[in-house]
Amino acid sequence: AEEGGATHLVVHARTKVEMYQRPAHWDYIRRMKQNRQIPILANGDIWSVDDYEKCRAAAGVDRVALGRGVVRRPTLAQEIRNPQFQVESFDDVDFLNRFAEGSLHARGEAFAIARIKQLLRYWSENGERH
């Protein structure tokens, strides 16, 4: 990718067969970075600020790409950026309505229903909501 002109690379630290199975292999990213000049961003299993810190340390990166973690926890990027960040309130119903409307307008009813189900599954996994 670097030789082909890429300016950065985001690595989802799993194989195709593993897909989203835990754990992400952040240490593989550290090895991939050797002798590379372009920035490499780590991705995979970053669900909290603690996961972010562990990922950066294991992968040896300065930056990450947030995926499903920010879907489950919409304030995650703010929490990472500002350790003093406090979630004052989060209106789940308002967010879900806006998400549904946007999904419906973007791709239709079947897409919207599938995305809402996916979002609710992320929100319910191990009961964590912040």
N, C-alpha and C. Protein backbone atom coordinates (compact mmCIF):
# COMPACT_ATOMS: atom_id res chain seq x y z
N ALA A 1 0.83 -1.20 0.00
CA ALA A 1 0.00 0.00 0.00
C ALA A 1 0.87 1.25 0.00
N GLU A 2 1.93 1.23 0.81
CA GLU A 2 2.81 2.39 0.88
C GLU A 2 3.50 2.63 -0.46
N GLU A 3 3.99 1.57 -1.07
CA GLU A 3 4.67 1.71 -2.36
C GLU A 3 3.69 2.16 -3.45
N GLY A 4 2.41 1.86 -3.28
CA GLY A 4 1.40 2.26 -4.25
C GLY A 4 0.92 3.69 -4.07
N GLY A 5 1.41 4.39 -3.03
CA GLY A 5 1.07 5.78 -2.85
C GLY A 5 0.09 6.08 -1.72
N ALA A 6 -0.24 5.08 -0.91
CA ALA A 6 -1.15 5.33 0.22
C ALA A 6 -0.53 6.33 1.18
N THR A 7 -1.36 7.19 1.74
CA THR A 7 -0.86 8.19 2.69
C THR A 7 -1.01 7.74 4.13
N HIS A 8 -1.84 6.74 4.37
CA HIS A 8 -1.98 6.12 5.69
C HIS A 8 -2.71 4.79 5.50
N LEU A 9 -2.71 4.00 6.56
CA LEU A 9 -3.33 2.68 6.49
C LEU A 9 -4.05 2.41 7.81
N VAL A 10 -5.28 1.94 7.72
CA VAL A 10 -6.05 1.54 8.90
C VAL A 10 -6.08 0.03 8.91
N VAL A 11 -5.65 -0.56 10.02
CA VAL A 11 -5.58 -2.02 10.11
C VAL A 11 -6.58 -2.53 11.13
N HIS A 12 -7.53 -3.32 10.64
CA HIS A 12 -8.50 -4.01 11.50
C HIS A 12 -7.80 -5.30 11.92
N ALA A 13 -7.32 -5.37 13.10
CA ALA A 13 -6.36 -6.37 13.54
C ALA A 13 -6.93 -7.78 13.70
N ARG A 14 -7.51 -8.28 12.61
CA ARG A 14 -8.02 -9.65 12.58
C ARG A 14 -7.92 -10.17 11.16
N THR A 15 -8.02 -11.48 11.03
CA THR A 15 -8.04 -12.09 9.71
C THR A 15 -9.46 -12.08 9.16
N LYS A 16 -9.61 -12.36 7.89
CA LYS A 16 -10.94 -12.43 7.28
C LYS A 16 -11.79 -13.50 7.95
N VAL A 17 -11.20 -14.63 8.27
CA VAL A 17 -11.93 -15.72 8.91
C VAL A 17 -12.41 -15.30 10.31
N GLU A 18 -11.58 -14.57 11.04
CA GLU A 18 -11.94 -14.14 12.40
C GLU A 18 -13.03 -13.07 12.40
N MET A 19 -13.08 -12.26 11.36
CA MET A 19 -14.04 -11.15 11.23
C MET A 19 -14.05 -10.29 12.49
N TYR A 20 -15.06 -10.44 13.34
CA TYR A 20 -15.17 -9.61 14.55
C TYR A 20 -14.93 -10.39 15.83
N GLN A 21 -14.41 -11.61 15.73
CA GLN A 21 -14.15 -12.40 16.93
C GLN A 21 -13.07 -11.72 17.76
N ARG A 22 -13.27 -11.80 19.06
CA ARG A 22 -12.27 -11.24 19.97
C ARG A 22 -11.19 -12.28 20.22
N PRO A 23 -10.00 -11.88 20.49
CA PRO A 23 -9.54 -10.50 20.59
C PRO A 23 -8.97 -10.00 19.26
N ALA A 24 -8.87 -8.69 19.15
CA ALA A 24 -8.14 -8.10 18.03
C ALA A 24 -6.65 -8.31 18.32
N HIS A 25 -5.88 -8.47 17.29
CA HIS A 25 -4.44 -8.74 17.45
C HIS A 25 -3.64 -7.46 17.26
N TRP A 26 -3.70 -6.58 18.24
CA TRP A 26 -3.03 -5.30 18.14
C TRP A 26 -1.52 -5.45 17.99
N ASP A 27 -0.95 -6.50 18.59
CA ASP A 27 0.49 -6.71 18.49
C ASP A 27 0.93 -6.97 17.05
N TYR A 28 0.04 -7.50 16.21
CA TYR A 28 0.38 -7.71 14.80
C TYR A 28 0.65 -6.38 14.12
N ILE A 29 -0.07 -5.35 14.53
CA ILE A 29 0.08 -4.03 13.92
C ILE A 29 1.48 -3.49 14.21
N ARG A 30 1.95 -3.72 15.42
CA ARG A 30 3.31 -3.26 15.76
C ARG A 30 4.32 -3.86 14.78
N ARG A 31 4.17 -5.14 14.46
CA ARG A 31 5.09 -5.78 13.51
C ARG A 31 4.92 -5.22 12.11
N MET A 32 3.68 -4.93 11.73
CA MET A 32 3.42 -4.37 10.40
C MET A 32 4.07 -3.00 10.23
N LYS A 33 4.18 -2.26 11.31
CA LYS A 33 4.73 -0.90 11.26
C LYS A 33 6.23 -0.86 10.98
N GLN A 34 6.90 -1.96 11.24
CA GLN A 34 8.35 -1.97 11.08
C GLN A 34 8.74 -1.61 9.66
N ASN A 35 9.67 -0.67 9.53
CA ASN A 35 10.20 -0.22 8.24
C ASN A 35 9.15 0.44 7.35
N ARG A 36 8.11 0.98 7.92
CA ARG A 36 7.09 1.70 7.16
C ARG A 36 7.18 3.18 7.50
N GLN A 37 6.91 4.01 6.51
CA GLN A 37 6.97 5.45 6.72
C GLN A 37 5.58 6.07 6.91
N ILE A 38 4.55 5.45 6.31
CA ILE A 38 3.21 6.04 6.41
C ILE A 38 2.60 5.76 7.77
N PRO A 39 1.73 6.66 8.23
CA PRO A 39 1.04 6.40 9.50
C PRO A 39 0.13 5.19 9.39
N ILE A 40 0.15 4.37 10.42
CA ILE A 40 -0.74 3.21 10.50
C ILE A 40 -1.64 3.41 11.71
N LEU A 41 -2.94 3.30 11.47
CA LEU A 41 -3.93 3.44 12.54
C LEU A 41 -4.44 2.06 12.91
N ALA A 42 -4.57 1.83 14.20
CA ALA A 42 -5.08 0.55 14.69
C ALA A 42 -6.59 0.60 14.82
N ASN A 43 -7.23 -0.55 14.60
CA ASN A 43 -8.68 -0.66 14.71
C ASN A 43 -9.00 -2.04 15.26
N GLY A 44 -10.11 -2.13 15.99
CA GLY A 44 -10.59 -3.42 16.48
C GLY A 44 -10.66 -3.49 17.98
N ASP A 45 -11.83 -3.79 18.50
CA ASP A 45 -12.07 -4.00 19.93
C ASP A 45 -11.74 -2.78 20.80
N ILE A 46 -11.99 -1.60 20.30
CA ILE A 46 -11.80 -0.40 21.11
C ILE A 46 -13.18 0.05 21.57
N TRP A 47 -13.54 -0.39 22.77
CA TRP A 47 -14.88 -0.15 23.32
C TRP A 47 -14.86 0.88 24.44
N SER A 48 -13.67 1.25 24.92
CA SER A 48 -13.57 2.16 26.07
C SER A 48 -12.24 2.92 25.98
N VAL A 49 -12.09 3.91 26.87
CA VAL A 49 -10.83 4.66 26.94
C VAL A 49 -9.70 3.71 27.32
N ASP A 50 -9.97 2.79 28.22
CA ASP A 50 -8.96 1.81 28.62
C ASP A 50 -8.52 0.95 27.43
N ASP A 51 -9.49 0.50 26.62
CA ASP A 51 -9.15 -0.26 25.42
C ASP A 51 -8.29 0.57 24.47
N TYR A 52 -8.62 1.84 24.33
CA TYR A 52 -7.85 2.75 23.48
C TYR A 52 -6.39 2.80 23.93
N GLU A 53 -6.19 2.98 25.22
CA GLU A 53 -4.82 3.05 25.75
C GLU A 53 -4.07 1.73 25.55
N LYS A 54 -4.75 0.61 25.82
CA LYS A 54 -4.12 -0.71 25.63
C LYS A 54 -3.78 -0.94 24.17
N CYS A 55 -4.68 -0.56 23.29
CA CYS A 55 -4.45 -0.73 21.85
C CYS A 55 -3.24 0.07 21.39
N ARG A 56 -3.19 1.34 21.78
CA ARG A 56 -2.06 2.18 21.38
C ARG A 56 -0.74 1.60 21.86
N ALA A 57 -0.73 1.11 23.09
CA ALA A 57 0.50 0.54 23.64
C ALA A 57 0.90 -0.74 22.92
N ALA A 58 -0.05 -1.65 22.72
CA ALA A 58 0.25 -2.94 22.09
C ALA A 58 0.63 -2.77 20.62
N ALA A 59 -0.06 -1.87 19.92
CA ALA A 59 0.17 -1.69 18.49
C ALA A 59 1.32 -0.73 18.20
N GLY A 60 1.68 0.08 19.20
CA GLY A 60 2.74 1.06 18.98
C GLY A 60 2.32 2.17 18.03
N VAL A 61 1.05 2.58 18.11
CA VAL A 61 0.54 3.62 17.22
C VAL A 61 0.17 4.86 18.01
N ASP A 62 0.09 5.97 17.28
CA ASP A 62 -0.37 7.22 17.88
C ASP A 62 -1.86 7.43 17.67
N ARG A 63 -2.39 6.80 16.62
CA ARG A 63 -3.78 7.04 16.26
C ARG A 63 -4.52 5.73 16.05
N VAL A 64 -5.84 5.80 16.26
CA VAL A 64 -6.70 4.64 16.06
C VAL A 64 -7.90 5.06 15.21
N ALA A 65 -8.60 4.07 14.70
CA ALA A 65 -9.87 4.29 14.01
C ALA A 65 -10.94 3.59 14.85
N LEU A 66 -11.93 4.34 15.26
CA LEU A 66 -13.00 3.78 16.07
C LEU A 66 -14.08 3.22 15.16
N GLY A 67 -14.60 2.08 15.52
CA GLY A 67 -15.65 1.44 14.74
C GLY A 67 -16.88 1.21 15.59
N ARG A 68 -17.18 -0.06 15.85
CA ARG A 68 -18.38 -0.42 16.60
C ARG A 68 -18.40 0.16 18.00
N GLY A 69 -17.22 0.41 18.59
CA GLY A 69 -17.17 0.99 19.93
C GLY A 69 -17.84 2.34 20.02
N VAL A 70 -17.70 3.14 18.97
CA VAL A 70 -18.32 4.46 18.98
C VAL A 70 -19.81 4.37 18.65
N VAL A 71 -20.22 3.27 18.04
CA VAL A 71 -21.66 3.05 17.82
C VAL A 71 -22.31 2.73 19.16
N ARG A 72 -21.64 1.87 19.92
CA ARG A 72 -22.18 1.51 21.24
C ARG A 72 -22.11 2.67 22.20
N ARG A 73 -21.05 3.44 22.09
CA ARG A 73 -20.80 4.52 23.05
C ARG A 73 -20.53 5.79 22.26
N PRO A 74 -21.56 6.52 21.85
CA PRO A 74 -21.39 7.67 20.96
C PRO A 74 -20.46 8.76 21.48
N THR A 75 -20.19 8.79 22.76
CA THR A 75 -19.29 9.80 23.33
C THR A 75 -17.85 9.32 23.45
N LEU A 76 -17.54 8.13 22.95
CA LEU A 76 -16.21 7.54 23.14
C LEU A 76 -15.09 8.44 22.61
N ALA A 77 -15.23 9.00 21.43
CA ALA A 77 -14.17 9.87 20.88
C ALA A 77 -13.95 11.08 21.78
N GLN A 78 -15.03 11.65 22.30
CA GLN A 78 -14.89 12.79 23.20
C GLN A 78 -14.19 12.38 24.50
N GLU A 79 -14.50 11.19 25.00
CA GLU A 79 -13.88 10.70 26.22
C GLU A 79 -12.39 10.47 26.02
N ILE A 80 -12.02 9.97 24.85
CA ILE A 80 -10.61 9.74 24.54
C ILE A 80 -9.88 11.07 24.42
N ARG A 81 -10.48 12.00 23.72
CA ARG A 81 -9.86 13.31 23.47
C ARG A 81 -9.71 14.11 24.76
N ASN A 82 -10.65 13.98 25.65
CA ASN A 82 -10.66 14.78 26.87
C ASN A 82 -10.94 13.89 28.07
N PRO A 83 -9.90 13.49 28.80
CA PRO A 83 -10.10 12.59 29.95
C PRO A 83 -11.04 13.16 31.02
N GLN A 84 -11.24 14.47 31.02
CA GLN A 84 -12.13 15.10 32.00
C GLN A 84 -13.58 15.13 31.52
N PHE A 85 -13.83 14.64 30.31
CA PHE A 85 -15.17 14.68 29.73
C PHE A 85 -16.16 13.93 30.61
N GLN A 86 -17.28 14.55 30.86
CA GLN A 86 -18.35 13.92 31.64
C GLN A 86 -19.61 13.86 30.78
N VAL A 87 -20.19 12.70 30.70
CA VAL A 87 -21.45 12.56 29.98
C VAL A 87 -22.55 13.09 30.89
N GLU A 88 -23.12 14.23 30.51
CA GLU A 88 -24.17 14.82 31.34
C GLU A 88 -25.49 14.10 31.13
N SER A 89 -25.81 13.90 29.88
CA SER A 89 -27.02 13.15 29.58
C SER A 89 -26.94 12.69 28.14
N PHE A 90 -27.63 11.62 27.87
CA PHE A 90 -27.68 11.10 26.50
C PHE A 90 -29.09 10.62 26.28
N ASP A 91 -29.78 11.27 25.38
CA ASP A 91 -31.18 10.94 25.10
C ASP A 91 -31.23 9.81 24.08
N ASP A 92 -31.34 8.57 24.57
CA ASP A 92 -31.36 7.40 23.70
C ASP A 92 -32.49 7.46 22.67
N VAL A 93 -33.67 7.87 23.11
CA VAL A 93 -34.83 7.88 22.22
C VAL A 93 -34.63 8.90 21.11
N ASP A 94 -34.17 10.09 21.44
CA ASP A 94 -33.92 11.11 20.42
C ASP A 94 -32.86 10.64 19.44
N PHE A 95 -31.77 10.08 19.95
CA PHE A 95 -30.70 9.58 19.09
C PHE A 95 -31.23 8.48 18.17
N LEU A 96 -31.99 7.53 18.73
CA LEU A 96 -32.53 6.42 17.94
C LEU A 96 -33.48 6.94 16.86
N ASN A 97 -34.30 7.92 17.18
CA ASN A 97 -35.21 8.50 16.19
C ASN A 97 -34.43 9.17 15.05
N ARG A 98 -33.41 9.95 15.39
CA ARG A 98 -32.60 10.61 14.36
C ARG A 98 -31.85 9.58 13.52
N PHE A 99 -31.34 8.55 14.16
CA PHE A 99 -30.64 7.48 13.46
C PHE A 99 -31.58 6.76 12.49
N ALA A 100 -32.79 6.47 12.96
CA ALA A 100 -33.78 5.79 12.12
C ALA A 100 -34.17 6.65 10.92
N GLU A 101 -34.43 7.92 11.16
CA GLU A 101 -34.80 8.84 10.08
C GLU A 101 -33.69 8.93 9.04
N GLY A 102 -32.46 9.10 9.51
CA GLY A 102 -31.32 9.20 8.58
C GLY A 102 -31.13 7.93 7.77
N SER A 103 -31.27 6.79 8.43
CA SER A 103 -31.11 5.50 7.74
C SER A 103 -32.23 5.30 6.72
N LEU A 104 -33.43 5.66 7.10
CA LEU A 104 -34.58 5.51 6.21
C LEU A 104 -34.41 6.38 4.96
N HIS A 105 -34.03 7.62 5.15
CA HIS A 105 -33.85 8.53 4.02
C HIS A 105 -32.66 8.13 3.15
N ALA A 106 -31.64 7.59 3.77
CA ALA A 106 -30.43 7.22 3.02
C ALA A 106 -30.63 5.99 2.16
N ARG A 107 -31.28 4.95 2.72
CA ARG A 107 -31.30 3.67 2.00
C ARG A 107 -32.60 2.90 2.05
N GLY A 108 -33.65 3.48 2.63
CA GLY A 108 -34.93 2.80 2.61
C GLY A 108 -35.25 2.03 3.89
N GLU A 109 -36.47 1.49 3.90
CA GLU A 109 -37.01 0.86 5.10
C GLU A 109 -36.26 -0.39 5.55
N ALA A 110 -35.96 -1.29 4.63
CA ALA A 110 -35.27 -2.54 5.01
C ALA A 110 -33.90 -2.23 5.62
N PHE A 111 -33.18 -1.30 5.03
CA PHE A 111 -31.87 -0.90 5.55
C PHE A 111 -32.02 -0.30 6.95
N ALA A 112 -32.99 0.62 7.10
CA ALA A 112 -33.20 1.29 8.38
C ALA A 112 -33.52 0.28 9.48
N ILE A 113 -34.39 -0.66 9.19
CA ILE A 113 -34.75 -1.67 10.19
C ILE A 113 -33.53 -2.50 10.58
N ALA A 114 -32.75 -2.91 9.60
CA ALA A 114 -31.55 -3.71 9.89
C ALA A 114 -30.55 -2.91 10.73
N ARG A 115 -30.37 -1.63 10.42
CA ARG A 115 -29.41 -0.83 11.17
C ARG A 115 -29.89 -0.55 12.59
N ILE A 116 -31.20 -0.35 12.76
CA ILE A 116 -31.74 -0.13 14.10
C ILE A 116 -31.55 -1.38 14.95
N LYS A 117 -31.83 -2.55 14.38
CA LYS A 117 -31.61 -3.80 15.11
C LYS A 117 -30.14 -3.95 15.50
N GLN A 118 -29.25 -3.61 14.57
CA GLN A 118 -27.82 -3.71 14.86
C GLN A 118 -27.43 -2.75 15.99
N LEU A 119 -27.91 -1.52 15.92
CA LEU A 119 -27.60 -0.54 16.95
C LEU A 119 -28.11 -1.00 18.31
N LEU A 120 -29.33 -1.49 18.37
CA LEU A 120 -29.88 -1.96 19.64
C LEU A 120 -29.09 -3.14 20.19
N ARG A 121 -28.60 -4.00 19.31
CA ARG A 121 -27.77 -5.13 19.75
C ARG A 121 -26.46 -4.61 20.37
N TYR A 122 -25.84 -3.62 19.72
CA TYR A 122 -24.61 -3.05 20.28
C TYR A 122 -24.88 -2.40 21.63
N TRP A 123 -25.99 -1.70 21.73
CA TRP A 123 -26.32 -1.02 22.98
C TRP A 123 -26.61 -2.01 24.10
N SER A 124 -27.14 -3.17 23.78
CA SER A 124 -27.51 -4.11 24.83
C SER A 124 -26.38 -5.05 25.22
N GLU A 125 -25.34 -5.17 24.41
CA GLU A 125 -24.26 -6.11 24.72
C GLU A 125 -23.64 -5.78 26.07
N ASN A 126 -23.60 -6.72 26.93
CA ASN A 126 -23.15 -6.67 28.34
C ASN A 126 -23.74 -5.50 29.13
N GLY A 127 -24.87 -4.97 28.67
CA GLY A 127 -25.60 -3.98 29.45
C GLY A 127 -24.97 -2.61 29.58
N GLU A 128 -23.87 -2.35 28.91
CA GLU A 128 -23.17 -1.08 29.08
C GLU A 128 -23.78 0.01 28.22
N ARG A 129 -24.14 1.12 28.84
CA ARG A 129 -24.65 2.29 28.12
C ARG A 129 -24.11 3.53 28.82
N HIS A 130 -23.42 4.33 28.09
CA HIS A 130 -22.89 5.60 28.63
C HIS A 130 -23.14 6.71 27.67
